[in-house]
Amino acid sequence: MPKTATAKIIPETRLDSARRLVRATKAVRIAPAKAETAAPAVPTVENKNDYFVERNGVKFAGMHLIVDLWRASRLDEPKFIADVLERAAKAASATVLHTHMHHFSPNGGVSGVVVLAESHISIHTWPERNYAAIDIFMCGKCDAYLAIPILREAFRAGSIQLAEHKRGLLP
């Protein structure tokens, strides 16, 4: 009878992930752009499906919200976090394409992303500090701000810090 192999699973740490990312980015080589194929300064879009946003006469790619939740709870539960982020995306009228969560160890932090047709929502949690860092980037007719009440209620955040950045501002 053949012997059964057993594998030891070692939880990945955030430091391991960061080191792997640094090694991966060092291996990337970017070819220089050819002068004869230079793009116009402001690209024009002939497609009727232009997902850039226009508000108050300003045209940009999308709204990027940087959200810090403090005194938050349930930050070590990947399934719960995935469900909350998907609900937040739907509340903002976004289309969920894929969700992936990584639990660093039992009772450890969670890093995850909900990939949207309109961009993404990502989260990184530090349950030992009752803190979560969330990015919400959405283009088109989505309203990223509608995700905030879902996040506040679900994670029972004691306080929220919010920064807004308009990505891809046209000159």
N, C-alpha and C. Protein backbone atom coordinates (compact mmCIF):
# COMPACT_ATOMS: atom_id res chain seq x y z
N MET A 1 0.84 -1.18 0.00
CA MET A 1 0.00 0.00 0.00
C MET A 1 0.89 1.25 0.00
N PRO A 2 0.63 2.23 -0.91
CA PRO A 2 1.49 3.42 -0.96
C PRO A 2 1.29 4.29 0.29
N LYS A 3 2.38 4.93 0.68
CA LYS A 3 2.31 5.83 1.83
C LYS A 3 1.58 7.11 1.42
N THR A 4 0.82 7.65 2.34
CA THR A 4 0.11 8.91 2.09
C THR A 4 1.00 10.06 2.53
N ALA A 5 1.22 11.00 1.63
CA ALA A 5 2.02 12.17 1.96
C ALA A 5 1.17 13.18 2.70
N THR A 6 1.76 13.80 3.67
CA THR A 6 1.04 14.87 4.38
C THR A 6 1.80 16.17 4.15
N ALA A 7 1.05 17.21 3.97
CA ALA A 7 1.66 18.52 3.74
C ALA A 7 1.40 19.40 4.95
N LYS A 8 2.41 20.13 5.32
CA LYS A 8 2.26 21.09 6.41
C LYS A 8 1.92 22.44 5.80
N ILE A 9 0.81 23.00 6.21
CA ILE A 9 0.39 24.29 5.69
C ILE A 9 0.88 25.37 6.64
N ILE A 10 1.66 26.26 6.08
CA ILE A 10 2.20 27.37 6.87
C ILE A 10 1.48 28.64 6.45
N PRO A 11 0.79 29.28 7.38
CA PRO A 11 0.06 30.50 7.00
C PRO A 11 1.01 31.57 6.49
N GLU A 12 0.61 32.23 5.43
CA GLU A 12 1.40 33.31 4.85
C GLU A 12 1.20 34.56 5.68
N THR A 13 2.26 35.28 5.92
CA THR A 13 2.16 36.54 6.66
C THR A 13 2.12 37.70 5.68
N ARG A 14 1.74 38.86 6.18
CA ARG A 14 1.73 40.05 5.33
C ARG A 14 3.14 40.36 4.83
N LEU A 15 4.15 40.12 5.69
CA LEU A 15 5.52 40.38 5.30
C LEU A 15 5.92 39.46 4.15
N ASP A 16 5.52 38.17 4.23
CA ASP A 16 5.80 37.24 3.13
C ASP A 16 5.17 37.74 1.84
N SER A 17 3.95 38.21 1.90
CA SER A 17 3.25 38.72 0.72
C SER A 17 3.98 39.93 0.15
N ALA A 18 4.41 40.82 1.02
CA ALA A 18 5.12 42.02 0.57
C ALA A 18 6.44 41.66 -0.10
N ARG A 19 7.16 40.71 0.49
CA ARG A 19 8.44 40.29 -0.11
C ARG A 19 8.21 39.67 -1.49
N ARG A 20 7.16 38.85 -1.62
CA ARG A 20 6.86 38.23 -2.90
C ARG A 20 6.51 39.29 -3.94
N LEU A 21 5.77 40.31 -3.54
CA LEU A 21 5.41 41.39 -4.46
C LEU A 21 6.65 42.15 -4.92
N VAL A 22 7.57 42.43 -4.00
CA VAL A 22 8.79 43.13 -4.37
C VAL A 22 9.59 42.31 -5.36
N ARG A 23 9.73 41.00 -5.12
CA ARG A 23 10.47 40.13 -6.06
C ARG A 23 9.78 40.13 -7.42
N ALA A 24 8.47 40.09 -7.44
CA ALA A 24 7.74 40.04 -8.71
C ALA A 24 7.89 41.34 -9.48
N THR A 25 7.86 42.47 -8.79
CA THR A 25 7.96 43.74 -9.51
C THR A 25 9.37 44.00 -10.00
N LYS A 26 10.38 43.43 -9.34
CA LYS A 26 11.76 43.59 -9.83
C LYS A 26 11.95 42.87 -11.15
N ALA A 27 11.18 41.82 -11.39
CA ALA A 27 11.32 41.03 -12.61
C ALA A 27 10.62 41.65 -13.80
N VAL A 28 9.79 42.66 -13.57
CA VAL A 28 9.02 43.27 -14.66
C VAL A 28 9.90 44.27 -15.40
N ARG A 29 9.95 44.15 -16.71
CA ARG A 29 10.70 45.11 -17.54
C ARG A 29 9.71 45.80 -18.46
N ILE A 30 9.81 47.11 -18.51
CA ILE A 30 8.91 47.90 -19.35
C ILE A 30 9.69 48.39 -20.55
N ALA A 31 9.20 48.05 -21.73
CA ALA A 31 9.86 48.47 -22.96
C ALA A 31 9.64 49.96 -23.17
N PRO A 32 10.65 50.68 -23.67
CA PRO A 32 10.46 52.11 -23.92
C PRO A 32 9.45 52.33 -25.03
N ALA A 33 8.70 53.42 -24.91
CA ALA A 33 7.69 53.75 -25.91
C ALA A 33 8.36 54.19 -27.20
N LYS A 34 7.77 53.84 -28.33
CA LYS A 34 8.28 54.25 -29.63
C LYS A 34 7.76 55.65 -29.93
N ALA A 35 8.66 56.51 -30.39
CA ALA A 35 8.29 57.90 -30.64
C ALA A 35 7.21 58.03 -31.71
N GLU A 36 7.23 57.19 -32.74
CA GLU A 36 6.27 57.33 -33.83
C GLU A 36 4.87 56.87 -33.46
N THR A 37 4.69 56.23 -32.31
CA THR A 37 3.37 55.77 -31.91
C THR A 37 2.85 56.53 -30.69
N ALA A 38 3.29 57.74 -30.52
CA ALA A 38 2.86 58.52 -29.35
C ALA A 38 1.36 58.77 -29.40
N ALA A 39 0.73 58.63 -28.25
CA ALA A 39 -0.72 58.84 -28.14
C ALA A 39 -1.02 60.33 -28.06
N PRO A 40 -2.21 60.74 -28.48
CA PRO A 40 -2.57 62.15 -28.34
C PRO A 40 -2.60 62.54 -26.87
N ALA A 41 -2.38 63.82 -26.59
CA ALA A 41 -2.33 64.32 -25.21
C ALA A 41 -3.61 63.99 -24.45
N VAL A 42 -4.76 64.17 -25.06
CA VAL A 42 -6.04 63.83 -24.44
C VAL A 42 -6.77 62.89 -25.39
N PRO A 43 -6.82 61.60 -25.05
CA PRO A 43 -7.47 60.65 -25.96
C PRO A 43 -8.95 60.96 -26.13
N THR A 44 -9.43 60.80 -27.34
CA THR A 44 -10.85 60.98 -27.59
C THR A 44 -11.51 59.61 -27.65
N VAL A 45 -12.79 59.58 -27.30
CA VAL A 45 -13.53 58.32 -27.27
C VAL A 45 -14.70 58.44 -28.23
N GLU A 46 -14.71 57.57 -29.22
CA GLU A 46 -15.83 57.57 -30.16
C GLU A 46 -16.91 56.57 -29.74
N ASN A 47 -16.56 55.70 -28.82
CA ASN A 47 -17.49 54.69 -28.33
C ASN A 47 -18.58 55.35 -27.50
N LYS A 48 -19.81 54.94 -27.69
CA LYS A 48 -20.92 55.50 -26.92
C LYS A 48 -20.83 55.10 -25.45
N ASN A 49 -20.11 54.02 -25.13
CA ASN A 49 -19.98 53.54 -23.76
C ASN A 49 -18.75 54.15 -23.10
N ASP A 50 -18.72 55.44 -22.95
CA ASP A 50 -17.62 56.12 -22.27
C ASP A 50 -17.94 56.09 -20.78
N TYR A 51 -17.13 55.36 -20.01
CA TYR A 51 -17.42 55.20 -18.60
C TYR A 51 -16.75 56.25 -17.73
N PHE A 52 -16.17 57.27 -18.35
CA PHE A 52 -15.66 58.39 -17.56
C PHE A 52 -16.86 59.10 -16.93
N VAL A 53 -16.60 59.77 -15.82
CA VAL A 53 -17.64 60.45 -15.06
C VAL A 53 -17.54 61.95 -15.35
N GLU A 54 -18.67 62.62 -15.42
CA GLU A 54 -18.66 64.08 -15.54
C GLU A 54 -19.56 64.65 -14.46
N ARG A 55 -18.96 65.44 -13.57
CA ARG A 55 -19.71 66.08 -12.49
C ARG A 55 -19.28 67.54 -12.39
N ASN A 56 -20.25 68.42 -12.37
CA ASN A 56 -19.99 69.86 -12.25
C ASN A 56 -18.98 70.34 -13.29
N GLY A 57 -19.08 69.81 -14.50
CA GLY A 57 -18.20 70.24 -15.58
C GLY A 57 -16.81 69.63 -15.55
N VAL A 58 -16.54 68.73 -14.61
CA VAL A 58 -15.23 68.08 -14.49
C VAL A 58 -15.37 66.63 -14.97
N LYS A 59 -14.48 66.22 -15.88
CA LYS A 59 -14.54 64.86 -16.42
C LYS A 59 -13.34 64.06 -15.90
N PHE A 60 -13.62 62.86 -15.38
CA PHE A 60 -12.56 62.03 -14.80
C PHE A 60 -12.94 60.56 -14.91
N ALA A 61 -11.94 59.68 -14.68
CA ALA A 61 -12.14 58.24 -14.84
C ALA A 61 -13.08 57.66 -13.80
N GLY A 62 -12.91 58.06 -12.57
CA GLY A 62 -13.77 57.51 -11.52
C GLY A 62 -13.42 58.07 -10.16
N MET A 63 -14.29 57.76 -9.20
CA MET A 63 -14.12 58.23 -7.84
C MET A 63 -13.41 57.15 -7.03
N HIS A 64 -12.35 57.55 -6.33
CA HIS A 64 -11.59 56.63 -5.48
C HIS A 64 -11.73 57.11 -4.05
N LEU A 65 -12.40 56.33 -3.22
CA LEU A 65 -12.55 56.66 -1.81
C LEU A 65 -11.57 55.82 -1.00
N ILE A 66 -10.86 56.47 -0.11
CA ILE A 66 -9.96 55.82 0.83
C ILE A 66 -10.67 55.88 2.18
N VAL A 67 -11.02 54.71 2.72
CA VAL A 67 -11.85 54.65 3.92
C VAL A 67 -11.10 53.93 5.03
N ASP A 68 -10.96 54.58 6.18
CA ASP A 68 -10.37 53.96 7.36
C ASP A 68 -11.47 53.76 8.39
N LEU A 69 -11.69 52.51 8.79
CA LEU A 69 -12.66 52.20 9.84
C LEU A 69 -11.90 51.95 11.13
N TRP A 70 -12.27 52.63 12.19
CA TRP A 70 -11.66 52.46 13.51
C TRP A 70 -12.71 51.95 14.48
N ARG A 71 -12.25 51.24 15.52
CA ARG A 71 -13.13 50.63 16.52
C ARG A 71 -14.17 49.75 15.82
N ALA A 72 -13.69 49.00 14.82
CA ALA A 72 -14.57 48.14 14.03
C ALA A 72 -14.50 46.70 14.55
N SER A 73 -15.48 45.90 14.17
CA SER A 73 -15.53 44.51 14.65
C SER A 73 -15.73 43.54 13.47
N ARG A 74 -15.57 42.26 13.77
CA ARG A 74 -15.73 41.15 12.81
C ARG A 74 -14.72 41.26 11.66
N LEU A 75 -13.54 41.74 11.97
CA LEU A 75 -12.50 41.96 10.96
C LEU A 75 -11.63 40.73 10.72
N ASP A 76 -11.95 39.62 11.37
CA ASP A 76 -11.19 38.38 11.18
C ASP A 76 -12.08 37.28 10.61
N GLU A 77 -13.17 37.67 9.93
CA GLU A 77 -14.13 36.71 9.38
C GLU A 77 -14.24 36.89 7.86
N PRO A 78 -13.44 36.15 7.08
CA PRO A 78 -13.40 36.35 5.62
C PRO A 78 -14.76 36.23 4.93
N LYS A 79 -15.59 35.26 5.31
CA LYS A 79 -16.89 35.08 4.66
C LYS A 79 -17.79 36.29 4.93
N PHE A 80 -17.82 36.72 6.18
CA PHE A 80 -18.62 37.90 6.54
C PHE A 80 -18.15 39.13 5.77
N ILE A 81 -16.82 39.34 5.74
CA ILE A 81 -16.25 40.50 5.04
C ILE A 81 -16.61 40.47 3.56
N ALA A 82 -16.49 39.30 2.92
CA ALA A 82 -16.84 39.18 1.50
C ALA A 82 -18.30 39.55 1.26
N ASP A 83 -19.18 39.05 2.12
CA ASP A 83 -20.62 39.36 1.98
C ASP A 83 -20.88 40.86 2.13
N VAL A 84 -20.22 41.49 3.10
CA VAL A 84 -20.41 42.93 3.33
C VAL A 84 -19.92 43.73 2.13
N LEU A 85 -18.74 43.42 1.62
CA LEU A 85 -18.20 44.17 0.49
C LEU A 85 -19.07 44.00 -0.76
N GLU A 86 -19.60 42.81 -0.98
CA GLU A 86 -20.50 42.60 -2.12
C GLU A 86 -21.79 43.40 -1.95
N ARG A 87 -22.35 43.44 -0.72
CA ARG A 87 -23.55 44.25 -0.48
C ARG A 87 -23.26 45.73 -0.70
N ALA A 88 -22.08 46.18 -0.25
CA ALA A 88 -21.69 47.58 -0.42
C ALA A 88 -21.57 47.92 -1.91
N ALA A 89 -21.00 47.00 -2.69
CA ALA A 89 -20.87 47.22 -4.14
C ALA A 89 -22.25 47.34 -4.79
N LYS A 90 -23.15 46.45 -4.42
CA LYS A 90 -24.50 46.47 -5.01
C LYS A 90 -25.27 47.72 -4.60
N ALA A 91 -25.05 48.19 -3.36
CA ALA A 91 -25.70 49.42 -2.91
C ALA A 91 -25.24 50.62 -3.74
N ALA A 92 -24.01 50.55 -4.24
CA ALA A 92 -23.45 51.64 -5.06
C ALA A 92 -23.78 51.45 -6.54
N SER A 93 -24.60 50.45 -6.85
CA SER A 93 -25.01 50.12 -8.24
C SER A 93 -23.87 49.58 -9.08
N ALA A 94 -22.92 48.89 -8.44
CA ALA A 94 -21.81 48.28 -9.17
C ALA A 94 -22.12 46.82 -9.48
N THR A 95 -21.39 46.26 -10.43
CA THR A 95 -21.57 44.88 -10.87
C THR A 95 -20.42 44.02 -10.36
N VAL A 96 -20.72 43.08 -9.46
CA VAL A 96 -19.69 42.20 -8.89
C VAL A 96 -19.30 41.14 -9.91
N LEU A 97 -17.99 41.04 -10.19
CA LEU A 97 -17.48 40.02 -11.10
C LEU A 97 -16.82 38.86 -10.36
N HIS A 98 -16.05 39.18 -9.31
CA HIS A 98 -15.29 38.14 -8.61
C HIS A 98 -14.93 38.65 -7.22
N THR A 99 -14.91 37.74 -6.25
CA THR A 99 -14.52 38.10 -4.88
C THR A 99 -13.47 37.12 -4.40
N HIS A 100 -12.41 37.65 -3.78
CA HIS A 100 -11.36 36.79 -3.22
C HIS A 100 -10.92 37.37 -1.88
N MET A 101 -10.90 36.52 -0.85
CA MET A 101 -10.44 36.91 0.48
C MET A 101 -9.30 35.99 0.89
N HIS A 102 -8.33 36.53 1.61
CA HIS A 102 -7.24 35.74 2.16
C HIS A 102 -7.17 35.98 3.66
N HIS A 103 -7.29 34.89 4.43
CA HIS A 103 -7.22 34.97 5.89
C HIS A 103 -5.79 34.61 6.28
N PHE A 104 -5.08 35.51 6.94
CA PHE A 104 -3.67 35.29 7.21
C PHE A 104 -3.42 34.21 8.24
N SER A 105 -4.29 33.98 9.14
CA SER A 105 -4.22 32.86 10.08
C SER A 105 -5.49 32.92 10.91
N PRO A 106 -5.81 31.86 11.61
CA PRO A 106 -6.99 31.97 12.48
C PRO A 106 -6.81 33.16 13.43
N ASN A 107 -7.84 33.94 13.54
CA ASN A 107 -7.86 35.16 14.36
C ASN A 107 -6.92 36.24 13.85
N GLY A 108 -6.46 36.10 12.59
CA GLY A 108 -5.58 37.11 12.00
C GLY A 108 -6.34 38.00 11.05
N GLY A 109 -5.62 38.87 10.41
CA GLY A 109 -6.24 39.81 9.49
C GLY A 109 -6.69 39.18 8.20
N VAL A 110 -7.44 39.94 7.45
CA VAL A 110 -7.97 39.52 6.16
C VAL A 110 -7.60 40.58 5.13
N SER A 111 -7.15 40.13 3.97
CA SER A 111 -6.98 41.01 2.82
C SER A 111 -7.86 40.46 1.72
N GLY A 112 -8.55 41.33 1.02
CA GLY A 112 -9.43 40.83 -0.01
C GLY A 112 -9.82 41.89 -1.02
N VAL A 113 -10.41 41.40 -2.10
CA VAL A 113 -10.84 42.31 -3.17
C VAL A 113 -12.15 41.81 -3.77
N VAL A 114 -13.00 42.74 -4.10
CA VAL A 114 -14.19 42.47 -4.89
C VAL A 114 -13.93 43.18 -6.22
N VAL A 115 -13.75 42.39 -7.28
CA VAL A 115 -13.51 42.96 -8.60
C VAL A 115 -14.87 43.31 -9.20
N LEU A 116 -14.98 44.53 -9.66
CA LEU A 116 -16.24 45.04 -10.21
C LEU A 116 -16.08 45.32 -11.69
N ALA A 117 -17.16 45.28 -12.43
CA ALA A 117 -17.12 45.71 -13.83
C ALA A 117 -16.70 47.18 -13.87
N GLU A 118 -16.99 47.92 -12.80
CA GLU A 118 -16.68 49.34 -12.73
C GLU A 118 -15.39 49.65 -11.98
N SER A 119 -14.67 48.67 -11.50
CA SER A 119 -13.35 48.75 -10.87
C SER A 119 -13.23 47.78 -9.71
N HIS A 120 -13.12 48.26 -8.44
CA HIS A 120 -12.89 47.34 -7.34
C HIS A 120 -13.22 47.95 -5.97
N ILE A 121 -13.35 47.04 -4.99
CA ILE A 121 -13.35 47.41 -3.57
C ILE A 121 -12.33 46.47 -2.93
N SER A 122 -11.38 47.02 -2.19
CA SER A 122 -10.41 46.17 -1.51
C SER A 122 -10.40 46.48 -0.02
N ILE A 123 -9.93 45.49 0.77
CA ILE A 123 -9.89 45.66 2.23
C ILE A 123 -8.65 44.98 2.79
N HIS A 124 -8.11 45.58 3.83
CA HIS A 124 -7.02 45.00 4.60
C HIS A 124 -7.37 45.27 6.06
N THR A 125 -7.40 44.22 6.89
CA THR A 125 -7.85 44.40 8.28
C THR A 125 -6.75 44.08 9.28
N TRP A 126 -6.81 44.76 10.40
CA TRP A 126 -5.96 44.53 11.55
C TRP A 126 -6.89 44.34 12.75
N PRO A 127 -7.41 43.12 12.95
CA PRO A 127 -8.38 42.92 14.04
C PRO A 127 -7.80 43.25 15.42
N GLU A 128 -6.50 43.06 15.58
CA GLU A 128 -5.88 43.35 16.88
C GLU A 128 -5.92 44.85 17.20
N ARG A 129 -6.14 45.67 16.19
CA ARG A 129 -6.25 47.13 16.37
C ARG A 129 -7.66 47.63 16.08
N ASN A 130 -8.58 46.71 15.76
CA ASN A 130 -9.95 47.07 15.40
C ASN A 130 -9.97 48.10 14.27
N TYR A 131 -9.11 47.85 13.27
CA TYR A 131 -8.91 48.79 12.16
C TYR A 131 -9.03 48.08 10.81
N ALA A 132 -9.67 48.75 9.86
CA ALA A 132 -9.75 48.24 8.48
C ALA A 132 -9.46 49.38 7.52
N ALA A 133 -8.63 49.08 6.51
CA ALA A 133 -8.34 50.04 5.43
C ALA A 133 -9.07 49.54 4.19
N ILE A 134 -9.93 50.40 3.63
CA ILE A 134 -10.76 50.01 2.49
C ILE A 134 -10.57 51.01 1.37
N ASP A 135 -10.42 50.49 0.15
CA ASP A 135 -10.39 51.33 -1.06
C ASP A 135 -11.64 51.02 -1.86
N ILE A 136 -12.32 52.05 -2.31
CA ILE A 136 -13.49 51.90 -3.18
C ILE A 136 -13.23 52.74 -4.41
N PHE A 137 -13.04 52.10 -5.55
CA PHE A 137 -12.79 52.82 -6.80
C PHE A 137 -13.87 52.40 -7.79
N MET A 138 -14.64 53.38 -8.27
CA MET A 138 -15.74 53.08 -9.18
C MET A 138 -15.83 54.13 -10.28
N CYS A 139 -16.13 53.66 -11.48
CA CYS A 139 -16.34 54.57 -12.61
C CYS A 139 -17.79 54.46 -13.06
N GLY A 140 -18.12 55.19 -14.11
CA GLY A 140 -19.47 55.13 -14.65
C GLY A 140 -20.48 55.77 -13.74
N LYS A 141 -21.67 55.20 -13.73
CA LYS A 141 -22.79 55.81 -12.99
C LYS A 141 -22.88 55.34 -11.54
N CYS A 142 -21.89 54.57 -11.09
CA CYS A 142 -21.90 54.10 -9.70
C CYS A 142 -21.66 55.27 -8.75
N ASP A 143 -22.20 55.15 -7.54
CA ASP A 143 -21.97 56.15 -6.50
C ASP A 143 -21.27 55.47 -5.33
N ALA A 144 -19.94 55.60 -5.27
CA ALA A 144 -19.13 54.94 -4.25
C ALA A 144 -19.57 55.32 -2.84
N TYR A 145 -20.09 56.53 -2.67
CA TYR A 145 -20.50 56.98 -1.34
C TYR A 145 -21.65 56.15 -0.76
N LEU A 146 -22.44 55.51 -1.60
CA LEU A 146 -23.56 54.70 -1.11
C LEU A 146 -23.08 53.41 -0.43
N ALA A 147 -21.81 53.07 -0.59
CA ALA A 147 -21.25 51.89 0.08
C ALA A 147 -20.92 52.17 1.55
N ILE A 148 -20.69 53.43 1.89
CA ILE A 148 -20.22 53.78 3.23
C ILE A 148 -21.19 53.37 4.34
N PRO A 149 -22.50 53.66 4.24
CA PRO A 149 -23.41 53.23 5.33
C PRO A 149 -23.43 51.71 5.53
N ILE A 150 -23.29 50.95 4.47
CA ILE A 150 -23.25 49.48 4.59
C ILE A 150 -22.03 49.07 5.41
N LEU A 151 -20.87 49.65 5.09
CA LEU A 151 -19.63 49.32 5.80
C LEU A 151 -19.71 49.73 7.26
N ARG A 152 -20.20 50.95 7.52
CA ARG A 152 -20.30 51.46 8.91
C ARG A 152 -21.17 50.53 9.77
N GLU A 153 -22.33 50.18 9.23
CA GLU A 153 -23.26 49.36 10.00
C GLU A 153 -22.74 47.94 10.20
N ALA A 154 -22.27 47.31 9.13
CA ALA A 154 -21.84 45.91 9.22
C ALA A 154 -20.65 45.71 10.15
N PHE A 155 -19.67 46.61 10.08
CA PHE A 155 -18.47 46.47 10.90
C PHE A 155 -18.59 47.23 12.22
N ARG A 156 -19.74 47.87 12.44
CA ARG A 156 -20.02 48.63 13.67
C ARG A 156 -18.86 49.57 14.00
N ALA A 157 -18.42 50.30 12.98
CA ALA A 157 -17.27 51.20 13.13
C ALA A 157 -17.59 52.34 14.08
N GLY A 158 -16.69 52.57 15.03
CA GLY A 158 -16.85 53.69 15.96
C GLY A 158 -16.54 55.01 15.30
N SER A 159 -15.60 55.00 14.35
CA SER A 159 -15.31 56.22 13.60
C SER A 159 -14.82 55.85 12.20
N ILE A 160 -15.00 56.79 11.28
CA ILE A 160 -14.59 56.59 9.89
C ILE A 160 -13.81 57.81 9.45
N GLN A 161 -12.68 57.56 8.81
CA GLN A 161 -11.92 58.62 8.15
C GLN A 161 -12.06 58.38 6.66
N LEU A 162 -12.32 59.43 5.91
CA LEU A 162 -12.62 59.30 4.49
C LEU A 162 -11.86 60.33 3.68
N ALA A 163 -11.24 59.87 2.60
CA ALA A 163 -10.58 60.77 1.65
C ALA A 163 -11.11 60.44 0.26
N GLU A 164 -11.26 61.47 -0.56
CA GLU A 164 -11.79 61.31 -1.92
C GLU A 164 -10.72 61.72 -2.93
N HIS A 165 -10.60 60.95 -3.98
CA HIS A 165 -9.67 61.29 -5.05
C HIS A 165 -10.33 61.02 -6.40
N LYS A 166 -10.36 62.03 -7.25
CA LYS A 166 -10.90 61.84 -8.60
C LYS A 166 -9.75 61.31 -9.46
N ARG A 167 -9.90 60.08 -9.97
CA ARG A 167 -8.84 59.46 -10.77
C ARG A 167 -9.01 59.83 -12.23
N GLY A 168 -7.90 60.03 -12.94
CA GLY A 168 -7.94 60.26 -14.37
C GLY A 168 -8.58 61.58 -14.77
N LEU A 169 -8.28 62.65 -14.03
CA LEU A 169 -8.81 63.97 -14.37
C LEU A 169 -8.30 64.37 -15.75
N LEU A 170 -9.22 64.77 -16.60
CA LEU A 170 -8.81 65.23 -17.93
C LEU A 170 -8.32 66.67 -17.83
N PRO A 171 -7.23 66.98 -18.53
CA PRO A 171 -6.69 68.35 -18.46
C PRO A 171 -7.61 69.35 -19.13
